[in-house]
Structures are given as C-alpha cells and as structure tokens.
Amino acid sequence: MSANMQVCSLDELQREGVRVVSTGQRTVAVFWHRDRVFAVDNRCPHMGFPLSQGTVADGILTCHWHHAKFDLAGGCAFDLFADDVAAFRAEVRDGVVWLDPEPQEEEAIAHHTRKLSEGLEQNLSLVIAKSVIGLCEAGRDDLVLAEAARFGVKNRAAGWSSGLSILTAMANVQPHLNPEDRPRALYHGVVHVARNVQGQPPDFDIAPLDTDENRPEQFRTWFRRFAEVRSPNAAERCLRTAAVAGLDEAQLADLLFAASTDHTFMDVGHTLDFANKACELLDVVGWESAPDVLSSVIPTITGAERMEETSSWQHPVDLPKLLDEAGDALDEALAVGGERNESWDEHRPVAESILDDPPDRSLRRIVDAARAGAPLGELSATVAYAAARRPMHFHISNEFGDWNTVHHTFTYTNAVDRAMQRAPSRELARGILDGAASVYLERFLNMPRQPRPEPNGGSTSTDDLLGHFDRQQQVDETAQSVADLLAGGRQDEVVRTLGAALLREDAGFHSFQIYDAALRLVERFEGRPEADDVLIGASRFLTAHAPTVRSMGQTYETAARLHRGEALHA
C-alpha cells in the first residue's frame, strides 16, 4: 500500500463527512463512515454525477441522480445498470488521512473484457459502450468481436440473430470508417447482440456423430436432405460432424449455401444472407469457432419460408417454373461457356435487362451470357448491381415500408455475390436467377422511375451531406449531394460520411445491412460508374430512415466522456 497523498486531518474529515480531492488523473471522494475511511472515484460510473453529493448509510453509497447503490468499501454496484465505481486505498496515520492515488482496479484488458461479458448478459448499453471503448483503445477489438460472437451463438436457441449480422457488418466496414467511428460501430453491433439474446433460452450443443465418415459429398447430401425435410437436430449433427471430420472452410460454407438455395429466395433472402454473414464472422473471429457459429444458422434454413409456395411468385407469372427452366438452361450454358471469358464486361446491359425486361427475357439474357463464357462471379455481381439500382430509382410516392422490399433483394443478391467468391457451385448459381426474379417483382416500385441525379455544381461539403440526415424527407437532396461529391472524385469521403450518419442514429437492422452491402459492391465495381450508382441508392435508403431519437449515440458519448475522465456535471 502506498497511501502517500495527504487528504486532510482526521478531525476535518470526521466533521465534514466527505472530502473531495484530485489525484491529477481523477477526482476522489473520501468518506468517513463507521469509524473508517473509504475512498471512491467521485464520478458516478453511470452518468458522472458527483458521488460526494450522495448519501451514505449502512455501508451503502447512493447516488442521488438515478439512485444507484454502491458498496462503499469495494465500489461494486448493487444496481447493475450503473456499473462499478473505482475504489481507492485510504488510511489514517498520526491523525492525518492519506490516500493511495492509484485505484484498486484489475488489469485494464481483463477488466474491460469482464465488463463486456456482464454488459452482454444484462443487456446494459452503457456498460457495453465503456467496455468496447476501453478494449478498442487498447487495440483489442478482436476481443470485442470474439466475446460478442460467442455470446450471441451460445445463448440463443433460436439461432442466428439480426444482432450477429449487424456485428459482422460493422466488422466488415471498419477500414472504411473514420477512426473515431470504429469503436462506435462495434458498440452498435454488440448492443444489438445483447438485445436479441435477452429473455431467450440458451443453445445446447448436439454432439457430432461417432463415425469414420469424412467424404464432403456425403455430408453435403445429408445436410441438404435434412434441411429439405426441416429437421434441425439432424442437420446440426451432420454439420458438427462435418466440421470435426476435416472439411475445409469452403466445403463447410458450401453445405450452407447449397441448402440455402435449394428453394426459391428463402425467407425473402434472409436465409442465404445469414449463412454468408456467419462465414464472414468466422473470417474475423477464426474458423475454429465454425461448429457453433455455422450451426446457429440452421434454424433459419430449416424454418425458412420458401417463396415458390407464395402467390406473389406464382401469379400472374409462374416464376418458379421459369426459374426451374432457366436453372436447367444455365447448367447447360455453363458446360458450354466454361466461365472462360474473364474479360466479360456486359454488366450494365444485362442489368438493364433485369430491371426492365419480362422475366423470361432477362433470365434468358443471363443464360446467354453464361453460354458466352461469363464467369458466375461476374453474373452474380451484375444481378447485385441491378438490385442496387432499385433504391436509386425508388420514388418517394411509394409506401415507406416498400423501402424494405428493395432492400431485401439487394442484400440477398449481395450475399449471392459474396458466397460465389467463397464457394462457387452450380447450386449456388440458382441464387443468381432467384435474385434476378426478385428484382423483376419490384419493378412497380420504380414507377415512376426516380432519375439518377446528375452533378449540378451544387454544394460539395460533407457537412451539408451530413446535415440532410438531421431533417426528414431529404431523400432526393441527399442523393444530389452524393452525386456532386462523387463527381468530384471524393468517394472515400462519401463512404465515411454515410458511415458517420448511420452510426449517429438508432439505426435498424436494414440500415446496417445496406451500408455493408453497398461498400462490398462498390469494391466490386471500383473505378466504374456502377459504384457511384450503388452509393447513391444506399444514401437514399439511409436518409429515408433518419433522423431518429439517437439515444444510442447519447449513451455512447456518455461512456466516451467518462472514459476520458471528463466532468459530466459541474
């Protein structure tokens, strides 16, 4: 113990009850209670209210701001929402009160990791924010992602959640954000994981088979069969066995992708999107977690709505029949074309056909491109680009909820494109056709078609762009600002500003998805005008959903100021 900082005389402390001193780094409240000296950080860990203005009774310090209660001796909170307050060693020597200016705290990374777990378990946004900020400042954002991923898949029997998708999306976009926004992005992801898990029963692992079977094709057949008959336990046991039997990353991904495209546009695209996101999460946290992470997607696969069973896909055009015929034709075309034309560059005309032509004609256009040697990866990018055009041309006379319709197709086609780069297959190629059919179904949402904004020499300030998100119904104004900035070669600034705008809001699942998907597709079309179209469409979607109350940002700012040691209350 090195209580080497003089506070005051014991008589003074006994008379006053509490004395506030500064250690240089912190302000400390020193209390006299029950014939002992106690010392804690004077800032309430919840909102920074001075604890010296609180009440001490029966060994409990109560903050008057939100009535959080703390153990005076150790600083631990009885009310978990408030988080623990740092305690300090203090003693009396020769009638003088002395203080150790160093708090009694565990090592910083261990502390923040423990508090992150508590924040997830109790769904405490402020505790999560402080933990994420602390770990990211220490360069351990990997611990944030690993702990949130583990918690999200192990504690939700219903499986993969939108929160895990948000977490993965925000991990994907980290390099494109302003440095100060990167911890904020992970904070959003972790908070949504905690919210999705709250009140849910935990997941219990199913043991792998005790078998010497190790053939990838056998596991693929089994998994698709169990998914077909909606048998989640059998599918999970098959997948876990495949993981320990030595299947590599691409082979494990292929199991999920094939089953997720065995039926048409499953669960309005969420099934394949979640499967792809699970693989992307493993790219971040490590594929040794594959059994748990990939198994979490199985309830989505086995429980998915199959769109060939819905009336909108059957009438007035029998799309499932057209897709079956196109699928057979695509197999034949690929056998002829062999994906040999690596310089294929007909993305825009094929996309225009997907947007405007009847489905039989647009599907035939895709098949013809494959016959001419177009690689599957280029065809998947083409369909994703067509889907990205729908929000760019979305007219605001449509119902607000229709934004979700164009969003689902875009994120699905992005998932097809990403999956095709990871584990291409003939089965996954059906997703290209399904995506094109879904783009067709949305044609009325571009009637009338909102024109692409042309640069008009207006403001090219990112502040003006950000300002559009402060007012409702600034969709077209936002698109115009983005078009002007892109015309000036400022794509990176647009991406960062849209990210900052997203992270200010109490954004919903779809906004996080579309930002991530847009950036992935922009990378695919880097340096081409198609990339600008993608960003214009994404910006229109994002600003259509702003502004919100922005309460999550307020919580994050409070945590950041507490972390920096600022005084939130005079």
Foldseek 3Di string as FASTA:
>chain_A
DCLPAFFFFLVVQVVVQWGWDDPPQFIKIWGQDPNFIWIWGQAQQQQGHGQNPFDDDPQWRFDPPVRWIARRHAQQTPDPLRGGTWIWDWDDDPRTITTDSDTPDDDQLVVLLVLCLVCLQVLHLLSVLLSLVSCVVVVNVLSLLQSLLVCLLFQAQLFDDLLLLQQLLLVLCQVLADVVCSSLSNSLSSSVSSVVRPPHGGHDADAADPDLDADLVVLLVQLLVCLVQLNLVSNLNSLLNNLVSDDDLLSSLVSQLLLQLPAFCWQLQVLLLQSLSLSSSCVSNPCVCVSRSNSRSSSSSNVTDGCLPDPLCCPPNVNVVLLVVLLVLLVVLCVQQVLQCPVDDCLVVLLVCLQDPDLNVSSVVLSVVSNVNHHLLSLLLSLLLSLLLLLQFQDPVDDLVCLVLSLSLNLSSLSLNSSCVRHNDSSSSSSSSSSSVSSHSCNVRNVVTRDQAAADPDDQDLVVLLVLQADAPCLVVNLNNLNNNVVVVNVSSLLNSLSVSQSQASDDSSLSSLSSSLVVSCVVVPPHVSNSSSSSSSSSSSSNPGDHPSVSVVSSVSSVCVSSNHNSDD
